[in-house]
PDB file of N, CA and C in Angstrom:
ATOM      1  N   UNK A   1      42.246  -0.321  47.522  1.00  0.00           N
ATOM      2  CA  UNK A   1      41.415  -1.209  48.299  1.00  0.00           C
ATOM      3  C   UNK A   1      41.402  -0.794  49.775  1.00  0.00           C
ATOM      4  N   UNK A   2      42.495  -0.155  50.196  1.00  0.00           N
ATOM      5  CA  UNK A   2      42.580   0.296  51.589  1.00  0.00           C
ATOM      6  C   UNK A   2      41.507   1.343  51.888  1.00  0.00           C
ATOM      7  N   UNK A   3      41.254   2.235  50.950  1.00  0.00           N
ATOM      8  CA  UNK A   3      40.235   3.269  51.137  1.00  0.00           C
ATOM      9  C   UNK A   3      38.835   2.658  51.208  1.00  0.00           C
ATOM     10  N   UNK A   4      38.570   1.644  50.407  1.00  0.00           N
ATOM     11  CA  UNK A   4      37.264   0.970  50.440  1.00  0.00           C
ATOM     12  C   UNK A   4      37.054   0.299  51.795  1.00  0.00           C
ATOM     13  N   UNK A   5      38.084  -0.340  52.316  1.00  0.00           N
ATOM     14  CA  UNK A   5      37.995  -0.976  53.625  1.00  0.00           C
ATOM     15  C   UNK A   5      37.774   0.076  54.714  1.00  0.00           C
ATOM     16  N   UNK A   6      38.451   1.217  54.611  1.00  0.00           N
ATOM     17  CA  UNK A   6      38.277   2.303  55.573  1.00  0.00           C
ATOM     18  C   UNK A   6      36.854   2.840  55.533  1.00  0.00           C
ATOM     19  N   UNK A   7      36.268   2.938  54.358  1.00  0.00           N
ATOM     20  CA  UNK A   7      34.889   3.407  54.232  1.00  0.00           C
ATOM     21  C   UNK A   7      33.923   2.405  54.863  1.00  0.00           C
ATOM     22  N   UNK A   8      34.154   1.126  54.645  1.00  0.00           N
ATOM     23  CA  UNK A   8      33.288   0.104  55.262  1.00  0.00           C
ATOM     24  C   UNK A   8      33.390   0.143  56.781  1.00  0.00           C
ATOM     25  N   UNK A   9      34.596   0.256  57.294  1.00  0.00           N
ATOM     26  CA  UNK A   9      34.789   0.364  58.738  1.00  0.00           C
ATOM     27  C   UNK A   9      34.167   1.667  59.248  1.00  0.00           C
ATOM     28  N   UNK A  10      34.274   2.731  58.472  1.00  0.00           N
ATOM     29  CA  UNK A  10      33.683   4.009  58.854  1.00  0.00           C
ATOM     30  C   UNK A  10      32.172   3.950  58.950  1.00  0.00           C
ATOM     31  N   UNK A  11      31.561   3.205  58.065  1.00  0.00           N
ATOM     32  CA  UNK A  11      30.114   3.033  58.133  1.00  0.00           C
ATOM     33  C   UNK A  11      29.718   2.354  59.438  1.00  0.00           C
ATOM     34  N   UNK A  12      30.424   1.295  59.766  1.00  0.00           N
ATOM     35  CA  UNK A  12      30.162   0.595  61.019  1.00  0.00           C
ATOM     36  C   UNK A  12      30.484   1.484  62.225  1.00  0.00           C
ATOM     37  N   UNK A  13      31.550   2.261  62.130  1.00  0.00           N
ATOM     38  CA  UNK A  13      31.912   3.176  63.215  1.00  0.00           C
ATOM     39  C   UNK A  13      30.850   4.257  63.390  1.00  0.00           C
ATOM     40  N   UNK A  14      30.264   4.728  62.307  1.00  0.00           N
ATOM     41  CA  UNK A  14      29.194   5.724  62.395  1.00  0.00           C
ATOM     42  C   UNK A  14      27.959   5.184  63.090  1.00  0.00           C
ATOM     43  N   UNK A  15      27.622   3.948  62.795  1.00  0.00           N
ATOM     44  CA  UNK A  15      26.468   3.323  63.451  1.00  0.00           C
ATOM     45  C   UNK A  15      26.745   3.147  64.943  1.00  0.00           C
ATOM     46  N   UNK A  16      27.941   2.701  65.280  1.00  0.00           N
ATOM     47  CA  UNK A  16      28.301   2.528  66.690  1.00  0.00           C
ATOM     48  C   UNK A  16      28.374   3.880  67.389  1.00  0.00           C
ATOM     49  N   UNK A  17      28.905   4.890  66.717  1.00  0.00           N
ATOM     50  CA  UNK A  17      28.995   6.225  67.316  1.00  0.00           C
ATOM     51  C   UNK A  17      27.609   6.798  67.603  1.00  0.00           C
ATOM     52  N   UNK A  18      26.683   6.539  66.717  1.00  0.00           N
ATOM     53  CA  UNK A  18      25.320   7.010  66.963  1.00  0.00           C
ATOM     54  C   UNK A  18      24.709   6.294  68.164  1.00  0.00           C
ATOM     55  N   UNK A  19      25.018   5.033  68.312  1.00  0.00           N
ATOM     56  CA  UNK A  19      24.514   4.260  69.431  1.00  0.00           C
ATOM     57  C   UNK A  19      25.158   4.712  70.742  1.00  0.00           C
ATOM     58  N   UNK A  20      26.456   5.058  70.684  1.00  0.00           N
ATOM     59  CA  UNK A  20      27.193   5.465  71.884  1.00  0.00           C
ATOM     60  C   UNK A  20      26.807   6.872  72.328  1.00  0.00           C
ATOM     61  N   UNK A  21      26.730   7.800  71.404  1.00  0.00           N
ATOM     62  CA  UNK A  21      26.515   9.204  71.779  1.00  0.00           C
ATOM     63  C   UNK A  21      25.101   9.406  72.311  1.00  0.00           C
ATOM     64  N   UNK A  22      25.009  10.034  73.464  1.00  0.00           N
ATOM     65  CA  UNK A  22      23.700  10.202  74.098  1.00  0.00           C
ATOM     66  C   UNK A  22      22.897  11.324  73.457  1.00  0.00           C
ATOM     67  N   UNK A  23      21.645  11.363  73.782  1.00  0.00           N
ATOM     68  CA  UNK A  23      20.783  12.461  73.337  1.00  0.00           C
ATOM     69  C   UNK A  23      20.033  12.161  72.068  1.00  0.00           C
ATOM     70  N   UNK A  24      19.266  13.148  71.679  1.00  0.00           N
ATOM     71  CA  UNK A  24      18.443  13.043  70.480  1.00  0.00           C
ATOM     72  C   UNK A  24      19.258  13.435  69.259  1.00  0.00           C
ATOM     73  N   UNK A  25      19.139  12.690  68.208  1.00  0.00           N
ATOM     74  CA  UNK A  25      19.916  12.944  66.997  1.00  0.00           C
ATOM     75  C   UNK A  25      19.050  13.635  65.960  1.00  0.00           C
ATOM     76  N   UNK A  26      19.575  14.716  65.421  1.00  0.00           N
ATOM     77  CA  UNK A  26      18.855  15.459  64.398  1.00  0.00           C
ATOM     78  C   UNK A  26      19.196  14.952  62.996  1.00  0.00           C
ATOM     79  N   UNK A  27      20.112  14.006  62.921  1.00  0.00           N
ATOM     80  CA  UNK A  27      20.571  13.504  61.630  1.00  0.00           C
ATOM     81  C   UNK A  27      19.838  12.229  61.261  1.00  0.00           C
ATOM     82  N   UNK A  28      19.702  12.031  59.986  1.00  0.00           N
ATOM     83  CA  UNK A  28      19.154  10.780  59.499  1.00  0.00           C
ATOM     84  C   UNK A  28      20.235   9.716  59.442  1.00  0.00           C
ATOM     85  N   UNK A  29      19.839   8.548  59.018  1.00  0.00           N
ATOM     86  CA  UNK A  29      20.757   7.417  58.974  1.00  0.00           C
ATOM     87  C   UNK A  29      21.907   7.665  58.003  1.00  0.00           C
ATOM     88  N   UNK A  30      21.614   8.216  56.841  1.00  0.00           N
ATOM     89  CA  UNK A  30      22.649   8.398  55.825  1.00  0.00           C
ATOM     90  C   UNK A  30      23.649   9.477  56.211  1.00  0.00           C
ATOM     91  N   UNK A  31      23.187  10.556  56.829  1.00  0.00           N
ATOM     92  CA  UNK A  31      24.113  11.592  57.279  1.00  0.00           C
ATOM     93  C   UNK A  31      24.982  11.075  58.419  1.00  0.00           C
ATOM     94  N   UNK A  32      24.405  10.284  59.299  1.00  0.00           N
ATOM     95  CA  UNK A  32      25.186   9.682  60.369  1.00  0.00           C
ATOM     96  C   UNK A  32      26.249   8.749  59.797  1.00  0.00           C
ATOM     97  N   UNK A  33      25.882   7.965  58.807  1.00  0.00           N
ATOM     98  CA  UNK A  33      26.839   7.066  58.167  1.00  0.00           C
ATOM     99  C   UNK A  33      27.941   7.863  57.468  1.00  0.00           C
ATOM    100  N   UNK A  34      27.568   8.958  56.814  1.00  0.00           N
ATOM    101  CA  UNK A  34      28.562   9.794  56.137  1.00  0.00           C
ATOM    102  C   UNK A  34      29.522  10.427  57.140  1.00  0.00           C
ATOM    103  N   UNK A  35      28.999  10.890  58.275  1.00  0.00           N
ATOM    104  CA  UNK A  35      29.875  11.439  59.311  1.00  0.00           C
ATOM    105  C   UNK A  35      30.761  10.347  59.901  1.00  0.00           C
ATOM    106  N   UNK A  36      30.235   9.147  60.014  1.00  0.00           N
ATOM    107  CA  UNK A  36      31.041   8.024  60.477  1.00  0.00           C
ATOM    108  C   UNK A  36      32.174   7.702  59.521  1.00  0.00           C
ATOM    109  N   UNK A  37      31.888   7.711  58.242  1.00  0.00           N
ATOM    110  CA  UNK A  37      32.916   7.460  57.233  1.00  0.00           C
ATOM    111  C   UNK A  37      33.967   8.564  57.274  1.00  0.00           C
ATOM    112  N   UNK A  38      33.525   9.816  57.363  1.00  0.00           N
ATOM    113  CA  UNK A  38      34.467  10.936  57.423  1.00  0.00           C
ATOM    114  C   UNK A  38      35.321  10.860  58.687  1.00  0.00           C
ATOM    115  N   UNK A  39      34.711  10.525  59.803  1.00  0.00           N
ATOM    116  CA  UNK A  39      35.463  10.387  61.046  1.00  0.00           C
ATOM    117  C   UNK A  39      36.454   9.248  60.989  1.00  0.00           C
ATOM    118  N   UNK A  40      36.066   8.159  60.375  1.00  0.00           N
ATOM    119  CA  UNK A  40      36.962   7.018  60.255  1.00  0.00           C
ATOM    120  C   UNK A  40      38.147   7.330  59.358  1.00  0.00           C
ATOM    121  N   UNK A  41      37.875   7.965  58.235  1.00  0.00           N
ATOM    122  CA  UNK A  41      38.958   8.322  57.318  1.00  0.00           C
ATOM    123  C   UNK A  41      39.905   9.304  57.993  1.00  0.00           C
ATOM    124  N   UNK A  42      39.348  10.306  58.647  1.00  0.00           N
ATOM    125  CA  UNK A  42      40.166  11.307  59.332  1.00  0.00           C
ATOM    126  C   UNK A  42      40.983  10.674  60.459  1.00  0.00           C
ATOM    127  N   UNK A  43      40.335   9.879  61.302  1.00  0.00           N
ATOM    128  CA  UNK A  43      41.037   9.254  62.422  1.00  0.00           C
ATOM    129  C   UNK A  43      42.072   8.239  61.940  1.00  0.00           C
ATOM    130  N   UNK A  44      41.792   7.541  60.851  1.00  0.00           N
ATOM    131  CA  UNK A  44      42.743   6.569  60.326  1.00  0.00           C
ATOM    132  C   UNK A  44      44.016   7.254  59.855  1.00  0.00           C
ATOM    133  N   UNK A  45      43.862   8.293  59.055  1.00  0.00           N
ATOM    134  CA  UNK A  45      45.039   8.945  58.510  1.00  0.00           C
ATOM    135  C   UNK A  45      45.773   9.790  59.544  1.00  0.00           C
ATOM    136  N   UNK A  46      45.061  10.417  60.458  1.00  0.00           N
ATOM    137  CA  UNK A  46      45.724  11.188  61.511  1.00  0.00           C
ATOM    138  C   UNK A  46      46.447  10.244  62.468  1.00  0.00           C
ATOM    139  N   UNK A  47      45.795   9.161  62.866  1.00  0.00           N
ATOM    140  CA  UNK A  47      46.427   8.197  63.766  1.00  0.00           C
ATOM    141  C   UNK A  47      47.663   7.551  63.161  1.00  0.00           C
ATOM    142  N   UNK A  48      47.622   7.264  61.874  1.00  0.00           N
ATOM    143  CA  UNK A  48      48.784   6.676  61.223  1.00  0.00           C
ATOM    144  C   UNK A  48      49.885   7.708  61.016  1.00  0.00           C
ATOM    145  N   UNK A  49      49.509   8.954  60.750  1.00  0.00           N
ATOM    146  CA  UNK A  49      50.509  10.008  60.570  1.00  0.00           C
ATOM    147  C   UNK A  49      51.234  10.313  61.879  1.00  0.00           C
ATOM    148  N   UNK A  50      50.519  10.206  62.994  1.00  0.00           N
ATOM    149  CA  UNK A  50      51.128  10.455  64.301  1.00  0.00           C
ATOM    150  C   UNK A  50      51.759   9.201  64.903  1.00  0.00           C
ATOM    151  N   UNK A  51      51.737   8.091  64.146  1.00  0.00           N
ATOM    152  CA  UNK A  51      52.327   6.807  64.546  1.00  0.00           C
ATOM    153  C   UNK A  51      51.703   6.247  65.820  1.00  0.00           C
ATOM    154  N   UNK A  52      50.414   6.481  66.000  1.00  0.00           N
ATOM    155  CA  UNK A  52      49.703   5.871  67.121  1.00  0.00           C
ATOM    156  C   UNK A  52      49.423   4.407  66.831  1.00  0.00           C
ATOM    157  N   UNK A  53      49.176   4.095  65.581  1.00  0.00           N
ATOM    158  CA  UNK A  53      48.951   2.721  65.146  1.00  0.00           C
ATOM    159  C   UNK A  53      49.262   2.642  63.667  1.00  0.00           C
ATOM    160  N   UNK A  54      49.466   1.422  63.198  1.00  0.00           N
ATOM    161  CA  UNK A  54      49.748   1.235  61.775  1.00  0.00           C
ATOM    162  C   UNK A  54      48.525   0.653  61.089  1.00  0.00           C
ATOM    163  N   UNK A  55      48.604   0.578  59.783  1.00  0.00           N
ATOM    164  CA  UNK A  55      47.476   0.069  59.003  1.00  0.00           C
ATOM    165  C   UNK A  55      47.212  -1.391  59.356  1.00  0.00           C
ATOM    166  N   UNK A  56      45.940  -1.734  59.528  1.00  0.00           N
ATOM    167  CA  UNK A  56      45.548  -3.103  59.800  1.00  0.00           C
ATOM    168  C   UNK A  56      45.434  -3.453  61.273  1.00  0.00           C
ATOM    169  N   UNK A  57      45.792  -2.549  62.162  1.00  0.00           N
ATOM    170  CA  UNK A  57      45.659  -2.829  63.593  1.00  0.00           C
ATOM    171  C   UNK A  57      44.228  -2.587  64.049  1.00  0.00           C
ATOM    172  N   UNK A  58      43.810  -3.352  65.042  1.00  0.00           N
ATOM    173  CA  UNK A  58      42.437  -3.202  65.544  1.00  0.00           C
ATOM    174  C   UNK A  58      42.253  -1.890  66.304  1.00  0.00           C
ATOM    175  N   UNK A  59      43.326  -1.274  66.726  1.00  0.00           N
ATOM    176  CA  UNK A  59      43.243   0.018  67.391  1.00  0.00           C
ATOM    177  C   UNK A  59      42.680   1.078  66.451  1.00  0.00           C
ATOM    178  N   UNK A  60      42.873   0.902  65.176  1.00  0.00           N
ATOM    179  CA  UNK A  60      42.337   1.837  64.199  1.00  0.00           C
ATOM    180  C   UNK A  60      40.822   1.905  64.235  1.00  0.00           C
ATOM    181  N   UNK A  61      40.174   0.795  64.554  1.00  0.00           N
ATOM    182  CA  UNK A  61      38.717   0.792  64.649  1.00  0.00           C
ATOM    183  C   UNK A  61      38.260   1.639  65.823  1.00  0.00           C
ATOM    184  N   UNK A  62      38.973   1.552  66.942  1.00  0.00           N
ATOM    185  CA  UNK A  62      38.651   2.389  68.099  1.00  0.00           C
ATOM    186  C   UNK A  62      38.840   3.857  67.740  1.00  0.00           C
ATOM    187  N   UNK A  63      39.905   4.159  67.031  1.00  0.00           N
ATOM    188  CA  UNK A  63      40.135   5.528  66.570  1.00  0.00           C
ATOM    189  C   UNK A  63      39.047   5.996  65.626  1.00  0.00           C
ATOM    190  N   UNK A  64      38.571   5.104  64.770  1.00  0.00           N
ATOM    191  CA  UNK A  64      37.501   5.452  63.835  1.00  0.00           C
ATOM    192  C   UNK A  64      36.208   5.760  64.576  1.00  0.00           C
ATOM    193  N   UNK A  65      35.901   4.973  65.592  1.00  0.00           N
ATOM    194  CA  UNK A  65      34.695   5.233  66.390  1.00  0.00           C
ATOM    195  C   UNK A  65      34.832   6.562  67.124  1.00  0.00           C
ATOM    196  N   UNK A  66      36.002   6.813  67.685  1.00  0.00           N
ATOM    197  CA  UNK A  66      36.219   8.094  68.383  1.00  0.00           C
ATOM    198  C   UNK A  66      36.107   9.271  67.413  1.00  0.00           C
ATOM    199  N   UNK A  67      36.667   9.128  66.230  1.00  0.00           N
ATOM    200  CA  UNK A  67      36.552  10.191  65.230  1.00  0.00           C
ATOM    201  C   UNK A  67      35.114  10.420  64.815  1.00  0.00           C
ATOM    202  N   UNK A  68      34.351   9.354  64.680  1.00  0.00           N
ATOM    203  CA  UNK A  68      32.942   9.482  64.314  1.00  0.00           C
ATOM    204  C   UNK A  68      32.139  10.140  65.434  1.00  0.00           C
ATOM    205  N   UNK A  69      32.440   9.793  66.692  1.00  0.00           N
ATOM    206  CA  UNK A  69      31.739  10.412  67.824  1.00  0.00           C
ATOM    207  C   UNK A  69      32.032  11.904  67.859  1.00  0.00           C
ATOM    208  N   UNK A  70      33.289  12.275  67.626  1.00  0.00           N
ATOM    209  CA  UNK A  70      33.656  13.691  67.626  1.00  0.00           C
ATOM    210  C   UNK A  70      32.940  14.434  66.507  1.00  0.00           C
ATOM    211  N   UNK A  71      32.906  13.859  65.307  1.00  0.00           N
ATOM    212  CA  UNK A  71      32.218  14.532  64.203  1.00  0.00           C
ATOM    213  C   UNK A  71      30.708  14.601  64.426  1.00  0.00           C
ATOM    214  N   UNK A  72      30.131  13.584  65.028  1.00  0.00           N
ATOM    215  CA  UNK A  72      28.703  13.643  65.351  1.00  0.00           C
ATOM    216  C   UNK A  72      28.424  14.734  66.384  1.00  0.00           C
ATOM    217  N   UNK A  73      29.302  14.857  67.372  1.00  0.00           N
ATOM    218  CA  UNK A  73      29.128  15.901  68.382  1.00  0.00           C
ATOM    219  C   UNK A  73      29.270  17.287  67.766  1.00  0.00           C
ATOM    220  N   UNK A  74      30.243  17.453  66.896  1.00  0.00           N
ATOM    221  CA  UNK A  74      30.404  18.742  66.210  1.00  0.00           C
ATOM    222  C   UNK A  74      29.213  19.048  65.303  1.00  0.00           C
ATOM    223  N   UNK A  75      28.746  18.029  64.613  1.00  0.00           N
ATOM    224  CA  UNK A  75      27.582  18.219  63.748  1.00  0.00           C
ATOM    225  C   UNK A  75      26.342  18.587  64.537  1.00  0.00           C
ATOM    226  N   UNK A  76      26.165  17.942  65.678  1.00  0.00           N
ATOM    227  CA  UNK A  76      25.017  18.250  66.524  1.00  0.00           C
ATOM    228  C   UNK A  76      25.135  19.664  67.103  1.00  0.00           C
ATOM    229  N   UNK A  77      26.356  20.059  67.448  1.00  0.00           N
ATOM    230  CA  UNK A  77      26.589  21.396  67.968  1.00  0.00           C
ATOM    231  C   UNK A  77      26.255  22.457  66.914  1.00  0.00           C
ATOM    232  N   UNK A  78      26.684  22.217  65.695  1.00  0.00           N
ATOM    233  CA  UNK A  78      26.419  23.159  64.600  1.00  0.00           C
ATOM    234  C   UNK A  78      24.957  23.150  64.193  1.00  0.00           C
ATOM    235  N   UNK A  79      24.325  21.986  64.200  1.00  0.00           N
ATOM    236  CA  UNK A  79      22.910  21.904  63.819  1.00  0.00           C
ATOM    237  C   UNK A  79      22.014  22.488  64.899  1.00  0.00           C
ATOM    238  N   UNK A  80      22.453  22.453  66.133  1.00  0.00           N
ATOM    239  CA  UNK A  80      21.656  22.980  67.235  1.00  0.00           C
ATOM    240  C   UNK A  80      21.576  24.497  67.250  1.00  0.00           C
ATOM    241  N   UNK A  81      22.511  25.172  66.588  1.00  0.00           N
ATOM    242  CA  UNK A  81      22.516  26.629  66.581  1.00  0.00           C
ATOM    243  C   UNK A  81      21.585  27.222  65.537  1.00  0.00           C
ATOM    244  N   UNK A  82      20.998  26.399  64.718  1.00  0.00           N
ATOM    245  CA  UNK A  82      20.094  26.911  63.682  1.00  0.00           C
ATOM    246  C   UNK A  82      18.746  27.211  64.231  1.00  0.00           C
TER     247      UNK A  82
END
């Protein structure tokens, strides 16, 4: 159930990350949501592994948004080179 909750938070983090990150987005809504989910999952497990926060803390949501912003920036960087 923890993974399902992380995916739901990741979806919301992806939407917020798209709103926060400036510039024109080459991604559609679903790819942005997928990058948000991936960023949230990555930031959740990395943050917990490094003991920055534990499961269930609201700081994890901030980490998820930051992870989603980073993945969106990397995706935009890679998509821009095509």
